[in-house]
Amino acid sequence: MKTPLPPRPVFLARQGYRSRRMIDLSRLLPVAGLFLFLLPLLHQTSGPVGTSATLVYLFSVWFGLIVVAGLLARRLSRVDEDGSDAGGDREGES
């Protein structure tokens, strides 16, 4: 007779949860960037906006996306170096 497996924990491990949320954020970043780049087109219908203001906005968004992507990459590489598994598989399960 097999012994029953211990019940799964109700809550996820904190490190695994955070690493999965970082991966989710990295997948959402291009969508957010596309929305932010297209935002001046929506604003243009309400009235004329200066070209210089639009260019400053676009380059600011571009720079912000680069910074956020760099921070995410650094954070995700640190998680990978620690050896934590982002897949969430438990050892011993088949």
PDB file of N, CA and C in Angstrom:
ATOM      1  N   MET A   1       0.841  -1.171   0.000  1.00  0.00           N
ATOM      2  CA  MET A   1       0.000   0.000   0.000  1.00  0.00           C
ATOM      3  C   MET A   1       0.891   1.240   0.000  1.00  0.00           C
ATOM      4  N   LYS A   2       0.556   2.185  -0.892  1.00  0.00           N
ATOM      5  CA  LYS A   2       1.343   3.412  -1.008  1.00  0.00           C
ATOM      6  C   LYS A   2       0.943   4.394   0.080  1.00  0.00           C
ATOM      7  N   THR A   3       1.934   5.121   0.539  1.00  0.00           N
ATOM      8  CA  THR A   3       1.645   6.174   1.508  1.00  0.00           C
ATOM      9  C   THR A   3       1.153   7.401   0.743  1.00  0.00           C
ATOM     10  N   PRO A   4       0.176   8.088   1.252  1.00  0.00           N
ATOM     11  CA  PRO A   4      -0.343   9.259   0.530  1.00  0.00           C
ATOM     12  C   PRO A   4       0.693  10.375   0.497  1.00  0.00           C
ATOM     13  N   LEU A   5       0.692  11.126  -0.601  1.00  0.00           N
ATOM     14  CA  LEU A   5       1.597  12.269  -0.723  1.00  0.00           C
ATOM     15  C   LEU A   5       1.167  13.365   0.244  1.00  0.00           C
ATOM     16  N   PRO A   6       2.116  14.097   0.779  1.00  0.00           N
ATOM     17  CA  PRO A   6       1.748  15.207   1.668  1.00  0.00           C
ATOM     18  C   PRO A   6       0.964  16.247   0.863  1.00  0.00           C
ATOM     19  N   PRO A   7       0.058  16.939   1.504  1.00  0.00           N
ATOM     20  CA  PRO A   7      -0.740  17.936   0.780  1.00  0.00           C
ATOM     21  C   PRO A   7       0.143  19.069   0.262  1.00  0.00           C
ATOM     22  N   ARG A   8      -0.247  19.600  -0.873  1.00  0.00           N
ATOM     23  CA  ARG A   8       0.506  20.720  -1.442  1.00  0.00           C
ATOM     24  C   ARG A   8       0.301  21.958  -0.570  1.00  0.00           C
ATOM     25  N   PRO A   9       1.307  22.789  -0.487  1.00  0.00           N
ATOM     26  CA  PRO A   9       1.140  24.007   0.313  1.00  0.00           C
ATOM     27  C   PRO A   9       0.111  24.929  -0.338  1.00  0.00           C
ATOM     28  N   VAL A  10      -0.616  25.634   0.486  1.00  0.00           N
ATOM     29  CA  VAL A  10      -1.644  26.538  -0.008  1.00  0.00           C
ATOM     30  C   VAL A  10      -0.996  27.748  -0.669  1.00  0.00           C
ATOM     31  N   PHE A  11       0.081  28.230  -0.107  1.00  0.00           N
ATOM     32  CA  PHE A  11       0.751  29.412  -0.624  1.00  0.00           C
ATOM     33  C   PHE A  11       2.008  29.001  -1.359  1.00  0.00           C
ATOM     34  N   LEU A  12       2.371  29.793  -2.374  1.00  0.00           N
ATOM     35  CA  LEU A  12       3.584  29.546  -3.143  1.00  0.00           C
ATOM     36  C   LEU A  12       4.793  30.075  -2.387  1.00  0.00           C
ATOM     37  N   ALA A  13       5.942  29.535  -2.737  1.00  0.00           N
ATOM     38  CA  ALA A  13       7.177  30.060  -2.164  1.00  0.00           C
ATOM     39  C   ALA A  13       7.359  31.504  -2.631  1.00  0.00           C
ATOM     40  N   ARG A  14       7.807  32.337  -1.753  1.00  0.00           N
ATOM     41  CA  ARG A  14       7.903  33.768  -2.052  1.00  0.00           C
ATOM     42  C   ARG A  14       8.839  34.036  -3.226  1.00  0.00           C
ATOM     43  N   GLN A  15       9.992  33.401  -3.272  1.00  0.00           N
ATOM     44  CA  GLN A  15      10.957  33.648  -4.338  1.00  0.00           C
ATOM     45  C   GLN A  15      10.414  33.185  -5.685  1.00  0.00           C
ATOM     46  N   GLY A  16       9.760  32.032  -5.717  1.00  0.00           N
ATOM     47  CA  GLY A  16       9.187  31.534  -6.962  1.00  0.00           C
ATOM     48  C   GLY A  16       8.071  32.427  -7.470  1.00  0.00           C
ATOM     49  N   TYR A  17       7.260  32.916  -6.551  1.00  0.00           N
ATOM     50  CA  TYR A  17       6.163  33.817  -6.924  1.00  0.00           C
ATOM     51  C   TYR A  17       6.714  35.113  -7.514  1.00  0.00           C
ATOM     52  N   ARG A  18       7.719  35.672  -6.872  1.00  0.00           N
ATOM     53  CA  ARG A  18       8.302  36.922  -7.366  1.00  0.00           C
ATOM     54  C   ARG A  18       8.963  36.741  -8.717  1.00  0.00           C
ATOM     55  N   SER A  19       9.661  35.623  -8.911  1.00  0.00           N
ATOM     56  CA  SER A  19      10.318  35.407 -10.197  1.00  0.00           C
ATOM     57  C   SER A  19       9.284  35.236 -11.310  1.00  0.00           C
ATOM     58  N   ARG A  20       8.171  34.577 -11.023  1.00  0.00           N
ATOM     59  CA  ARG A  20       7.116  34.444 -12.037  1.00  0.00           C
ATOM     60  C   ARG A  20       6.471  35.784 -12.351  1.00  0.00           C
ATOM     61  N   ARG A  21       6.309  36.636 -11.350  1.00  0.00           N
ATOM     62  CA  ARG A  21       5.742  37.964 -11.615  1.00  0.00           C
ATOM     63  C   ARG A  21       6.716  38.822 -12.423  1.00  0.00           C
ATOM     64  N   MET A  22       8.020  38.678 -12.201  1.00  0.00           N
ATOM     65  CA  MET A  22       9.010  39.404 -12.999  1.00  0.00           C
ATOM     66  C   MET A  22       8.963  38.939 -14.453  1.00  0.00           C
ATOM     67  N   ILE A  23       8.798  37.647 -14.662  1.00  0.00           N
ATOM     68  CA  ILE A  23       8.690  37.120 -16.021  1.00  0.00           C
ATOM     69  C   ILE A  23       7.418  37.646 -16.678  1.00  0.00           C
ATOM     70  N   ASP A  24       6.324  37.687 -15.925  1.00  0.00           N
ATOM     71  CA  ASP A  24       5.076  38.237 -16.458  1.00  0.00           C
ATOM     72  C   ASP A  24       5.244  39.708 -16.837  1.00  0.00           C
ATOM     73  N   LEU A  25       5.935  40.459 -16.004  1.00  0.00           N
ATOM     74  CA  LEU A  25       6.161  41.870 -16.283  1.00  0.00           C
ATOM     75  C   LEU A  25       7.026  42.044 -17.523  1.00  0.00           C
ATOM     76  N   SER A  26       8.024  41.175 -17.705  1.00  0.00           N
ATOM     77  CA  SER A  26       8.863  41.276 -18.895  1.00  0.00           C
ATOM     78  C   SER A  26       8.081  40.935 -20.156  1.00  0.00           C
ATOM     79  N   ARG A  27       7.078  40.077 -20.045  1.00  0.00           N
ATOM     80  CA  ARG A  27       6.231  39.772 -21.202  1.00  0.00           C
ATOM     81  C   ARG A  27       5.240  40.898 -21.494  1.00  0.00           C
ATOM     82  N   LEU A  28       4.866  41.646 -20.489  1.00  0.00           N
ATOM     83  CA  LEU A  28       3.908  42.733 -20.650  1.00  0.00           C
ATOM     84  C   LEU A  28       4.572  44.028 -21.109  1.00  0.00           C
ATOM     85  N   LEU A  29       5.879  44.154 -20.943  1.00  0.00           N
ATOM     86  CA  LEU A  29       6.587  45.393 -21.254  1.00  0.00           C
ATOM     87  C   LEU A  29       6.440  45.814 -22.723  1.00  0.00           C
ATOM     88  N   PRO A  30       6.559  44.933 -23.716  1.00  0.00           N
ATOM     89  CA  PRO A  30       6.368  45.384 -25.107  1.00  0.00           C
ATOM     90  C   PRO A  30       4.951  45.891 -25.383  1.00  0.00           C
ATOM     91  N   VAL A  31       3.961  45.286 -24.773  1.00  0.00           N
ATOM     92  CA  VAL A  31       2.577  45.738 -24.964  1.00  0.00           C
ATOM     93  C   VAL A  31       2.402  47.129 -24.362  1.00  0.00           C
ATOM     94  N   ALA A  32       2.938  47.334 -23.173  1.00  0.00           N
ATOM     95  CA  ALA A  32       2.858  48.652 -22.545  1.00  0.00           C
ATOM     96  C   ALA A  32       3.613  49.690 -23.377  1.00  0.00           C
ATOM     97  N   GLY A  33       4.767  49.300 -23.924  1.00  0.00           N
ATOM     98  CA  GLY A  33       5.535  50.208 -24.774  1.00  0.00           C
ATOM     99  C   GLY A  33       4.776  50.589 -26.032  1.00  0.00           C
ATOM    100  N   LEU A  34       4.108  49.623 -26.648  1.00  0.00           N
ATOM    101  CA  LEU A  34       3.316  49.920 -27.842  1.00  0.00           C
ATOM    102  C   LEU A  34       2.190  50.894 -27.508  1.00  0.00           C
ATOM    103  N   PHE A  35       1.514  50.663 -26.399  1.00  0.00           N
ATOM    104  CA  PHE A  35       0.444  51.575 -25.981  1.00  0.00           C
ATOM    105  C   PHE A  35       0.988  52.982 -25.754  1.00  0.00           C
ATOM    106  N   LEU A  36       2.131  53.090 -25.074  1.00  0.00           N
ATOM    107  CA  LEU A  36       2.697  54.411 -24.796  1.00  0.00           C
ATOM    108  C   LEU A  36       3.173  55.103 -26.067  1.00  0.00           C
ATOM    109  N   PHE A  37       3.674  54.334 -27.045  1.00  0.00           N
ATOM    110  CA  PHE A  37       4.101  54.945 -28.306  1.00  0.00           C
ATOM    111  C   PHE A  37       2.908  55.411 -29.136  1.00  0.00           C
ATOM    112  N   LEU A  38       1.788  54.726 -29.048  1.00  0.00           N
ATOM    113  CA  LEU A  38       0.612  55.101 -29.831  1.00  0.00           C
ATOM    114  C   LEU A  38      -0.242  56.170 -29.140  1.00  0.00           C
ATOM    115  N   LEU A  39       0.046  56.461 -27.903  1.00  0.00           N
ATOM    116  CA  LEU A  39      -0.725  57.446 -27.153  1.00  0.00           C
ATOM    117  C   LEU A  39      -0.737  58.835 -27.807  1.00  0.00           C
ATOM    118  N   PRO A  40       0.360  59.326 -28.395  1.00  0.00           N
ATOM    119  CA  PRO A  40       0.279  60.648 -29.056  1.00  0.00           C
ATOM    120  C   PRO A  40      -0.703  60.675 -30.226  1.00  0.00           C
ATOM    121  N   LEU A  41      -0.939  59.544 -30.870  1.00  0.00           N
ATOM    122  CA  LEU A  41      -1.923  59.526 -31.953  1.00  0.00           C
ATOM    123  C   LEU A  41      -3.326  59.784 -31.418  1.00  0.00           C
ATOM    124  N   LEU A  42      -3.622  59.283 -30.232  1.00  0.00           N
ATOM    125  CA  LEU A  42      -4.920  59.544 -29.627  1.00  0.00           C
ATOM    126  C   LEU A  42      -5.044  60.998 -29.193  1.00  0.00           C
ATOM    127  N   HIS A  43      -3.963  61.545 -28.726  1.00  0.00           N
ATOM    128  CA  HIS A  43      -3.960  62.923 -28.256  1.00  0.00           C
ATOM    129  C   HIS A  43      -4.084  63.888 -29.422  1.00  0.00           C
ATOM    130  N   GLN A  44      -3.625  63.506 -30.592  1.00  0.00           N
ATOM    131  CA  GLN A  44      -3.605  64.374 -31.754  1.00  0.00           C
ATOM    132  C   GLN A  44      -5.017  64.718 -32.237  1.00  0.00           C
ATOM    133  N   THR A  45      -5.988  63.853 -31.958  1.00  0.00           N
ATOM    134  CA  THR A  45      -7.344  64.121 -32.417  1.00  0.00           C
ATOM    135  C   THR A  45      -8.022  65.240 -31.633  1.00  0.00           C
ATOM    136  N   SER A  46      -7.528  65.544 -30.446  1.00  0.00           N
ATOM    137  CA  SER A  46      -8.170  66.582 -29.633  1.00  0.00           C
ATOM    138  C   SER A  46      -7.668  67.985 -29.963  1.00  0.00           C
ATOM    139  N   GLY A  47      -6.647  68.085 -30.768  1.00  0.00           N
ATOM    140  CA  GLY A  47      -6.145  69.404 -31.133  1.00  0.00           C
ATOM    141  C   GLY A  47      -4.680  69.317 -31.529  1.00  0.00           C
ATOM    142  N   PRO A  48      -4.157  70.382 -32.092  1.00  0.00           N
ATOM    143  CA  PRO A  48      -2.754  70.341 -32.527  1.00  0.00           C
ATOM    144  C   PRO A  48      -1.799  70.315 -31.331  1.00  0.00           C
ATOM    145  N   VAL A  49      -0.809  69.465 -31.440  1.00  0.00           N
ATOM    146  CA  VAL A  49       0.237  69.362 -30.423  1.00  0.00           C
ATOM    147  C   VAL A  49       1.564  69.600 -31.133  1.00  0.00           C
ATOM    148  N   GLY A  50       2.445  70.313 -30.491  1.00  0.00           N
ATOM    149  CA  GLY A  50       3.726  70.619 -31.099  1.00  0.00           C
ATOM    150  C   GLY A  50       4.561  69.375 -31.362  1.00  0.00           C
ATOM    151  N   THR A  51       5.284  69.411 -32.465  1.00  0.00           N
ATOM    152  CA  THR A  51       6.132  68.284 -32.837  1.00  0.00           C
ATOM    153  C   THR A  51       7.238  68.077 -31.806  1.00  0.00           C
ATOM    154  N   SER A  52       7.756  69.162 -31.287  1.00  0.00           N
ATOM    155  CA  SER A  52       8.844  69.031 -30.319  1.00  0.00           C
ATOM    156  C   SER A  52       8.361  68.355 -29.038  1.00  0.00           C
ATOM    157  N   ALA A  53       7.162  68.677 -28.597  1.00  0.00           N
ATOM    158  CA  ALA A  53       6.623  68.036 -27.394  1.00  0.00           C
ATOM    159  C   ALA A  53       6.394  66.555 -27.624  1.00  0.00           C
ATOM    160  N   THR A  54       5.921  66.201 -28.817  1.00  0.00           N
ATOM    161  CA  THR A  54       5.704  64.794 -29.143  1.00  0.00           C
ATOM    162  C   THR A  54       7.025  64.042 -29.194  1.00  0.00           C
ATOM    163  N   LEU A  55       8.042  64.647 -29.783  1.00  0.00           N
ATOM    164  CA  LEU A  55       9.353  63.987 -29.859  1.00  0.00           C
ATOM    165  C   LEU A  55       9.976  63.817 -28.478  1.00  0.00           C
ATOM    166  N   VAL A  56       9.836  64.810 -27.629  1.00  0.00           N
ATOM    167  CA  VAL A  56      10.352  64.685 -26.261  1.00  0.00           C
ATOM    168  C   VAL A  56       9.640  63.554 -25.546  1.00  0.00           C
ATOM    169  N   TYR A  57       8.323  63.467 -25.734  1.00  0.00           N
ATOM    170  CA  TYR A  57       7.552  62.382 -25.108  1.00  0.00           C
ATOM    171  C   TYR A  57       8.017  61.021 -25.623  1.00  0.00           C
ATOM    172  N   LEU A  58       8.152  60.878 -26.950  1.00  0.00           N
ATOM    173  CA  LEU A  58       8.547  59.581 -27.517  1.00  0.00           C
ATOM    174  C   LEU A  58       9.930  59.153 -27.052  1.00  0.00           C
ATOM    175  N   PHE A  59      10.882  60.079 -27.028  1.00  0.00           N
ATOM    176  CA  PHE A  59      12.218  59.713 -26.565  1.00  0.00           C
ATOM    177  C   PHE A  59      12.240  59.435 -25.067  1.00  0.00           C
ATOM    178  N   SER A  60      11.392  60.107 -24.302  1.00  0.00           N
ATOM    179  CA  SER A  60      11.302  59.816 -22.870  1.00  0.00           C
ATOM    180  C   SER A  60      10.738  58.420 -22.638  1.00  0.00           C
ATOM    181  N   VAL A  61       9.698  58.063 -23.389  1.00  0.00           N
ATOM    182  CA  VAL A  61       9.128  56.724 -23.272  1.00  0.00           C
ATOM    183  C   VAL A  61      10.159  55.677 -23.690  1.00  0.00           C
ATOM    184  N   TRP A  62      10.869  55.947 -24.771  1.00  0.00           N
ATOM    185  CA  TRP A  62      11.884  55.021 -25.266  1.00  0.00           C
ATOM    186  C   TRP A  62      12.969  54.807 -24.207  1.00  0.00           C
ATOM    187  N   PHE A  63      13.450  55.897 -23.630  1.00  0.00           N
ATOM    188  CA  PHE A  63      14.469  55.793 -22.585  1.00  0.00           C
ATOM    189  C   PHE A  63      13.930  55.049 -21.361  1.00  0.00           C
ATOM    190  N   GLY A  64      12.691  55.348 -20.984  1.00  0.00           N
ATOM    191  CA  GLY A  64      12.088  54.652 -19.846  1.00  0.00           C
ATOM    192  C   GLY A  64      11.955  53.152 -20.082  1.00  0.00           C
ATOM    193  N   LEU A  65      11.572  52.764 -21.295  1.00  0.00           N
ATOM    194  CA  LEU A  65      11.471  51.340 -21.618  1.00  0.00           C
ATOM    195  C   LEU A  65      12.836  50.654 -21.548  1.00  0.00           C
ATOM    196  N   ILE A  66      13.869  51.352 -22.001  1.00  0.00           N
ATOM    197  CA  ILE A  66      15.219  50.787 -21.938  1.00  0.00           C
ATOM    198  C   ILE A  66      15.632  50.583 -20.489  1.00  0.00           C
ATOM    199  N   VAL A  67      15.371  51.566 -19.640  1.00  0.00           N
ATOM    200  CA  VAL A  67      15.743  51.464 -18.224  1.00  0.00           C
ATOM    201  C   VAL A  67      14.984  50.327 -17.542  1.00  0.00           C
ATOM    202  N   VAL A  68      13.680  50.253 -17.772  1.00  0.00           N
ATOM    203  CA  VAL A  68      12.870  49.204 -17.142  1.00  0.00           C
ATOM    204  C   VAL A  68      13.300  47.827 -17.635  1.00  0.00           C
ATOM    205  N   ALA A  69      13.562  47.699 -18.943  1.00  0.00           N
ATOM    206  CA  ALA A  69      14.017  46.415 -19.484  1.00  0.00           C
ATOM    207  C   ALA A  69      15.374  46.021 -18.900  1.00  0.00           C
ATOM    208  N   GLY A  70      16.253  46.990 -18.718  1.00  0.00           N
ATOM    209  CA  GLY A  70      17.546  46.699 -18.116  1.00  0.00           C
ATOM    210  C   GLY A  70      17.423  46.244 -16.668  1.00  0.00           C
ATOM    211  N   LEU A  71      16.577  46.911 -15.915  1.00  0.00           N
ATOM    212  CA  LEU A  71      16.364  46.514 -14.524  1.00  0.00           C
ATOM    213  C   LEU A  71      15.734  45.125 -14.427  1.00  0.00           C
ATOM    214  N   LEU A  72      14.778  44.847 -15.313  1.00  0.00           N
ATOM    215  CA  LEU A  72      14.158  43.520 -15.324  1.00  0.00           C
ATOM    216  C   LEU A  72      15.166  42.441 -15.700  1.00  0.00           C
ATOM    217  N   ALA A  73      16.005  42.735 -16.686  1.00  0.00           N
ATOM    218  CA  ALA A  73      17.009  41.761 -17.109  1.00  0.00           C
ATOM    219  C   ALA A  73      17.995  41.472 -15.975  1.00  0.00           C
ATOM    220  N   ARG A  74      18.395  42.513 -15.258  1.00  0.00           N
ATOM    221  CA  ARG A  74      19.316  42.318 -14.135  1.00  0.00           C
ATOM    222  C   ARG A  74      18.661  41.477 -13.038  1.00  0.00           C
ATOM    223  N   ARG A  75      17.403  41.773 -12.761  1.00  0.00           N
ATOM    224  CA  ARG A  75      16.677  41.048 -11.707  1.00  0.00           C
ATOM    225  C   ARG A  75      16.452  39.586 -12.100  1.00  0.00           C
ATOM    226  N   LEU A  76      16.092  39.354 -13.366  1.00  0.00           N
ATOM    227  CA  LEU A  76      15.864  37.981 -13.822  1.00  0.00           C
ATOM    228  C   LEU A  76      17.164  37.187 -13.902  1.00  0.00           C
ATOM    229  N   SER A  77      18.268  37.835 -14.260  1.00  0.00           N
ATOM    230  CA  SER A  77      19.535  37.105 -14.297  1.00  0.00           C
ATOM    231  C   SER A  77      19.994  36.742 -12.889  1.00  0.00           C
ATOM    232  N   ARG A  78      19.678  37.591 -11.918  1.00  0.00           N
ATOM    233  CA  ARG A  78      20.013  37.284 -10.531  1.00  0.00           C
ATOM    234  C   ARG A  78      19.215  36.080 -10.040  1.00  0.00           C
ATOM    235  N   VAL A  79      17.962  35.982 -10.463  1.00  0.00           N
ATOM    236  CA  VAL A  79      17.123  34.846 -10.088  1.00  0.00           C
ATOM    237  C   VAL A  79      17.677  33.572 -10.709  1.00  0.00           C
ATOM    238  N   ASP A  80      18.121  33.647 -11.969  1.00  0.00           N
ATOM    239  CA  ASP A  80      18.693  32.476 -12.634  1.00  0.00           C
ATOM    240  C   ASP A  80      20.000  32.035 -11.991  1.00  0.00           C
ATOM    241  N   GLU A  81      20.817  32.977 -11.540  1.00  0.00           N
ATOM    242  CA  GLU A  81      22.082  32.630 -10.898  1.00  0.00           C
ATOM    243  C   GLU A  81      21.863  31.943  -9.557  1.00  0.00           C
ATOM    244  N   ASP A  82      20.780  32.290  -8.879  1.00  0.00           N
ATOM    245  CA  ASP A  82      20.483  31.671  -7.592  1.00  0.00           C
ATOM    246  C   ASP A  82      20.085  30.217  -7.749  1.00  0.00           C
ATOM    247  N   GLY A  83      19.735  29.827  -8.967  1.00  0.00           N
ATOM    248  CA  GLY A  83      19.372  28.435  -9.204  1.00  0.00           C
ATOM    249  C   GLY A  83      17.916  28.135  -8.970  1.00  0.00           C
ATOM    250  N   SER A  84      17.111  29.163  -8.783  1.00  0.00           N
ATOM    251  CA  SER A  84      15.690  28.899  -8.587  1.00  0.00           C
ATOM    252  C   SER A  84      15.061  28.577  -9.924  1.00  0.00           C
ATOM    253  N   ASP A  85      14.077  27.696  -9.889  1.00  0.00           N
ATOM    254  CA  ASP A  85      13.408  27.236 -11.091  1.00  0.00           C
ATOM    255  C   ASP A  85      12.195  28.104 -11.349  1.00  0.00           C
ATOM    256  N   ALA A  86      12.164  28.764 -12.498  1.00  0.00           N
ATOM    257  CA  ALA A  86      11.033  29.620 -12.817  1.00  0.00           C
ATOM    258  C   ALA A  86       9.842  28.829 -13.321  1.00  0.00           C
ATOM    259  N   GLY A  87      10.028  27.543 -13.628  1.00  0.00           N
ATOM    260  CA  GLY A  87       8.940  26.729 -14.126  1.00  0.00           C
ATOM    261  C   GLY A  87       7.963  26.330 -13.062  1.00  0.00           C
ATOM    262  N   GLY A  88       8.380  26.283 -11.830  1.00  0.00           N
ATOM    263  CA  GLY A  88       7.486  25.960 -10.735  1.00  0.00           C
ATOM    264  C   GLY A  88       7.277  24.475 -10.525  1.00  0.00           C
ATOM    265  N   ASP A  89       8.108  23.628 -11.112  1.00  0.00           N
ATOM    266  CA  ASP A  89       7.959  22.181 -10.930  1.00  0.00           C
ATOM    267  C   ASP A  89       8.465  21.777  -9.559  1.00  0.00           C
ATOM    268  N   ARG A  90       7.754  20.829  -8.963  1.00  0.00           N
ATOM    269  CA  ARG A  90       8.184  20.290  -7.670  1.00  0.00           C
ATOM    270  C   ARG A  90       9.017  19.054  -7.914  1.00  0.00           C
ATOM    271  N   GLU A  91      10.037  18.872  -7.115  1.00  0.00           N
ATOM    272  CA  GLU A  91      10.880  17.690  -7.237  1.00  0.00           C
ATOM    273  C   GLU A  91      10.118  16.455  -6.753  1.00  0.00           C
ATOM    274  N   GLY A  92      10.349  15.347  -7.443  1.00  0.00           N
ATOM    275  CA  GLY A  92       9.763  14.108  -6.997  1.00  0.00           C
ATOM    276  C   GLY A  92       8.396  13.818  -7.574  1.00  0.00           C
ATOM    277  N   GLU A  93       7.850  14.762  -8.355  1.00  0.00           N
ATOM    278  CA  GLU A  93       6.551  14.521  -8.970  1.00  0.00           C
ATOM    279  C   GLU A  93       6.754  13.958 -10.355  1.00  0.00           C
ATOM    280  N   SER A  94       5.877  13.087 -10.750  1.00  0.00           N
ATOM    281  CA  SER A  94       5.985  12.549 -12.096  1.00  0.00           C
ATOM    282  C   SER A  94       4.698  12.696 -12.849  1.00  0.00           C
TER     283      SER A  94
END
